Amino acid sequence: MASHLLSRTNHLNSVKFLGYCVGGHANFYGTKTQVTLFGIFTVKLPTAQEIQCNGDVCSPLCVSLPLPKQSCFEKLYVFGNSLEDMGNLARDTSLFLPPFPYGITNPGCPKGRFSNGGIITDYFASLFDLQLSVLPSDCGCTTNFAYAGATALEIQYFQSRNLRTIVNVSFDNETRWFNSYRERCESGKSARVAALVGGGGNDYNIQDGANRTLSEIMRTVPDVVRKVVDTVKYLMYKGVETVMVFNVPQTACTPAYRFRHRGEALDEFGCVMAIGEVVKWYNSLLEATLLDLYKTQYSAARIFVLNRYKFLNDVLRDPMKYGFLPDITHVACCGGGDEFNASVVCGGQLPCKNPQEHVYFDFVHFTDRFNKQEIQAFSLTEEYIISNHYKQTSLLDVCVNLLTAKLSTSQTTSCTTLLMSVSLPLPKQPCFEKIYVFGDSLEDMGNLAKSTSLLIPPLPNGITNPGCPKGRFSNGGVITDYFGTASTMNRSVSSIMETVPDTVKLLVSEGIRTVSVLNVPQPACTPDYRLRHPAEDLDEFGCVRAIGEVVKRHNSMLEAALLALYNKPHSSVRIFVLNRYKFLNDVLRDPMKYGSSKFKVVLKLSPSFSPYQCMEISVTGFDRDITHVACCGGGIQRECSVWGTDSLRKPSGARLLRLPSLHRPF
């Protein structure tokens, strides 16, 4: 979005917003790239040659997320404008831009963000545990090339149409800076290098500020899309294999547009309807063009569109759900002069009393709270990100899939080796070279997930083991994970449902000489059976007595049939029955005896999307009062998968506050 560039004085009549300033413009001066901002001061922009390795220390992280950090990327390059700029404009000016009260929520942290606190790139860096540096950048840092006021299209494009840009920076400048950094610091392709591409909004803000007609602005949409897509192609050509592209949040909803187009028709979100069609079309065309790249020479690339447009609409549709006040969703926290606080720019004055109640901090830029909640939504839910294979996903799953793919492609055998996601405080036993697993969801390590285009099981399954392969029906590992850990082997998984003794005979006929069979843990003890048989008699373990007799008989007959095999032609085979039924009964008899652990957990404390609370908790044993209560789920019609998607922001009761490690079932 356009930066609002201003003098130290708050009441210059010539300084307005976007392209509406009477007295300011940007020019080239000789062969050096300089910028005159609003006729007030001159800025010299860095050339590619001036971006040198100068030993600068990476910028410290000044924001945090109540989410596990993901170590899936070694480097992250950022391109865009003031929604992504972490200080490049500020570094290139002798004035403090943006001035006080920008950054007021994060005192003592690096300034240069157009927000009261962190912007979305700060939270990206926090999630991926990276330190982002502005220019010039040390080779050890990951670099933010975004520049406040920048356009996607080249400057000459606007000059040829008699349009004045906010600054003399476009994606051309940012990619040149990137290219210089890559040539100096690194080369080649890497799956662990990613790019985050914003931008696009200023290309339309400039035209609207110059009173161009809607049809004139619409005609430039394909050109802006082309430039963004060409930038993505260039990054992939330079070895960046993961590219995440922000679409444009609806600029027609900002206080600036509401003020400038006051009196015009509004849509259901309170945004200017006519000009809003520009952004809507841009986002639609951008997504279609980017996602079609996999049909061309970029089929191996990982391209993701992050839907900021949809998230803003969701917030404006139900602001209270996210903690914002409905009456001020289009009102800037900092500014003044009109009902939207947009005709007097922010700078020098005190902001509103509580910025976190506002969606917008100034006339076009979001508050820290909005940015934080947006990255949380991108991380935890699958409704805001789509890949170039037309699959919905989340940032956490992007990381998991990247780590899993990296491991599997590094193998020289035909086996699919999964990341060891759990550990045991026991000496590892190298007694088996291979293990084959058969069963259902209690043993499945990802076959169902792999065979469906949906992410099943969804979050919060796997939440205790962030960064590890998903596909398990548990908060962490399933029992086959721990089998693999104990025997120090690569695990190749499959699921076959047959009559158990016949399956054992088949395996023996194929040369298997050691077979371990898990009996069935009592399903009559599960929350599902307790719910569906609420009035029936319970046994000493709190399990439904009648249905429990079925499993008891099954296990008895299974054991007898298996152990009888040694009297037949299979006497040389080692057959073992592993008694999960008895172990579950032992746990239910004395829950506090089992499960001592110390762990960190994220708690959901309120019906809105935040706040969260991250706690380190020491636990001894399972909680006796909730041995038959699911950690994940809710009311009568709720299942774990529901909580893991849309209900993430709508906890349905106290059960959602209970901790996975205190529960027997997940």
Foldseek 3Di string as FASTA:
>chain_A
DAFQDDDQDQDDLQRADQQQGDQAFFDQDPPFHWGTASVPDIFGADALVRLDADPDDFFDQQDAALADAFQLAQAEEEEAALLQDQARQCVRDPDRVVAPPQCVVRPPGDGRHQANHDHLNSHVCNNNVFGEHETSDHLNHHYYLYYHQEALDQPVVQVVVVFGGRYNHHVVRSVSNVVSSCVVRHAAADQNYEYEYEHDPSLLSRCVSVVHDLVVSLVCLVVSLVSSVVSVVVVVVRHHQAYEYEQDAQQQLFLQNCVVPPPADADPLRGRPSNSVSSVVSRVVNVVVNLCCCVDPSVRGKYKYFYPNVLLSVCSNPVVLAQADNVLARAAQAADDDPNNRGGWGHDDDGHPDLLNYQHNTRGHGYPSNSNLSLVCQAQAQPGMAISVRAGDHPQVVLLVSVQVVVQVPDPDPARFFDLQDADPDDAAQPDAADEDEDDLLQDQAPVCVVDSHRPPFPPQCSQRGSGHGRHQANHDHPVSHVCNRNVYGYHYDYDDDDVVVVVVVVVVVPAQEEEAEQDAQPQLALVVCLVPVPADADPLRGRPPVSVVSVVVRVVVVVSQVCCLVDPSVRGHYHYDYNNVVLSVCSVPQQQDQWDWGWDWFADDLHLDDIDIDIDTGRGADNVDQRPALAWADPPTDNSVCSHPCVNGHHDDSPRDDRSNYDGD
